[in-house]
Amino acid sequence: MGAYSVHSGYYSSILSQDDGGKNRSTAFLKTGVSYYFNGDEQREWFVSAAHVRGRTTGWRKDGAFLESGMRWKVARQIEARFGLGILAMPGRSVRFNPTPGISFSIPLR
């Protein structure tokens, strides 16, 4: 049986370009819940649903974020995560993005 956790963290992705065609990094704060499938102490597959809040001009909205991927424990409650996410925000097209990130998690075992 897997485990659940509540998490909060920082997520960034390249979702747009400036007028010169240069990629712009877009930052979000996210808070959500994750389910971790049976894994070992250091890495596990996960699925997650989160509320995101954009921190970059043009993206300062609330949205929903669904994600699936792998997490690696860095310290007791700190983890690095990487997966594929689906970002949905009002007034924006749905985006599929790679999801590198660092999170602080509280296990609910």
Protein backbone atom coordinates (compact mmCIF):
# COMPACT_ATOMS: atom_id res chain seq x y z
CA MET A 1 0.00 0.00 0.00
CA GLY A 2 1.27 3.47 -0.81
CA ALA A 3 1.15 6.68 1.21
CA TYR A 4 -0.35 10.15 0.97
CA SER A 5 1.27 13.50 1.67
CA VAL A 6 0.43 17.18 1.70
CA HIS A 7 3.05 19.24 -0.10
CA SER A 8 3.97 22.79 -0.93
CA GLY A 9 6.72 23.96 -3.19
CA TYR A 10 8.02 26.05 -6.05
CA TYR A 11 7.52 25.09 -9.70
CA SER A 12 9.03 26.82 -12.71
CA SER A 13 8.66 26.17 -16.42
CA ILE A 14 9.17 27.88 -19.76
CA LEU A 15 5.65 28.71 -20.95
CA SER A 16 6.23 31.77 -23.13
CA GLN A 17 8.76 33.85 -25.03
CA ASP A 18 9.52 37.55 -24.90
CA ASP A 19 9.17 39.87 -27.93
CA GLY A 20 12.67 38.90 -29.10
CA GLY A 21 11.82 35.18 -29.10
CA LYS A 22 13.85 34.43 -25.97
CA ASN A 23 12.35 31.84 -23.59
CA ARG A 24 10.89 33.27 -20.36
CA SER A 25 10.86 31.28 -17.15
CA THR A 26 7.50 31.28 -15.39
CA ALA A 27 7.32 30.64 -11.63
CA PHE A 28 4.53 29.20 -9.51
CA LEU A 29 3.92 28.40 -5.87
CA LYS A 30 1.99 25.16 -5.46
CA THR A 31 0.18 23.38 -2.65
CA GLY A 32 -1.49 20.02 -2.99
CA VAL A 33 -1.79 16.36 -2.15
CA SER A 34 0.21 13.44 -3.51
CA TYR A 35 -0.19 9.69 -3.54
CA TYR A 36 3.05 7.69 -3.53
CA PHE A 37 3.03 4.14 -4.89
CA ASN A 38 5.06 1.46 -3.17
CA GLY A 39 8.71 2.29 -3.60
CA ASP A 40 11.81 2.20 -1.49
CA GLU A 41 12.98 4.69 1.12
CA GLN A 42 14.75 6.92 -1.40
CA ARG A 43 12.46 7.05 -4.48
CA GLU A 44 8.82 6.47 -5.39
CA TRP A 45 6.38 7.02 -8.26
CA PHE A 46 3.64 9.54 -7.47
CA VAL A 47 0.48 11.23 -8.72
CA SER A 48 -0.52 14.62 -7.42
CA ALA A 49 -3.17 17.34 -7.63
CA ALA A 50 -2.30 20.89 -6.63
CA HIS A 51 -3.47 24.48 -6.52
CA VAL A 52 -0.93 26.79 -8.19
CA ARG A 53 -0.48 30.54 -8.01
CA GLY A 54 1.56 32.25 -10.72
CA ARG A 55 4.36 34.56 -9.57
CA THR A 56 5.41 35.91 -12.98
CA THR A 57 3.85 38.88 -14.80
CA GLY A 58 1.09 37.64 -17.10
CA TRP A 59 0.66 34.43 -15.10
CA ARG A 60 -0.47 35.86 -11.73
CA LYS A 61 -3.58 33.74 -11.54
CA ASP A 62 -4.81 30.72 -9.64
CA GLY A 63 -4.88 27.40 -11.46
CA ALA A 64 -4.97 23.63 -11.18
CA PHE A 65 -2.02 21.32 -11.70
CA LEU A 66 -2.09 17.53 -12.15
CA GLU A 67 1.21 15.67 -12.14
CA SER A 68 2.68 12.18 -12.33
CA GLY A 69 6.34 11.29 -11.92
CA MET A 70 9.12 10.18 -9.59
CA ARG A 71 10.35 11.67 -6.34
CA TRP A 72 13.71 11.28 -4.61
CA LYS A 73 14.19 12.00 -0.92
CA VAL A 74 16.89 14.60 -0.28
CA ALA A 75 16.33 14.88 3.49
CA ARG A 76 13.64 13.82 5.96
CA GLN A 77 10.84 16.03 4.52
CA ILE A 78 12.60 17.55 1.51
CA GLU A 79 12.30 15.90 -1.89
CA ALA A 80 13.25 16.47 -5.50
CA ARG A 81 10.48 15.64 -7.95
CA PHE A 82 10.39 15.16 -11.71
CA GLY A 83 7.46 14.21 -13.88
CA LEU A 84 4.92 15.38 -16.43
CA GLY A 85 2.31 17.93 -15.42
CA ILE A 86 -0.90 19.36 -16.83
CA LEU A 87 -1.44 23.04 -16.01
CA ALA A 88 -4.90 24.65 -16.38
CA MET A 89 -5.48 28.37 -15.72
CA PRO A 90 -8.33 30.73 -16.60
CA GLY A 91 -7.74 32.49 -19.91
CA ARG A 92 -4.82 30.20 -20.88
CA SER A 93 -4.62 27.06 -22.97
CA VAL A 94 -3.97 23.81 -21.12
CA ARG A 95 -0.22 23.12 -20.96
CA PHE A 96 1.67 19.83 -20.72
CA ASN A 97 5.06 20.44 -19.11
CA PRO A 98 8.06 18.68 -17.59
CA THR A 99 7.99 19.17 -13.83
CA PRO A 100 11.31 19.57 -12.07
CA GLY A 101 10.90 20.81 -8.52
CA ILE A 102 11.82 20.75 -4.87
CA SER A 103 9.11 20.19 -2.27
CA PHE A 104 8.61 20.10 1.47
CA SER A 105 6.26 17.21 2.32
CA ILE A 106 4.43 16.07 5.42
CA PRO A 107 3.83 12.29 5.20
CA LEU A 108 0.37 11.09 6.22
CA ARG A 109 1.07 7.39 6.77
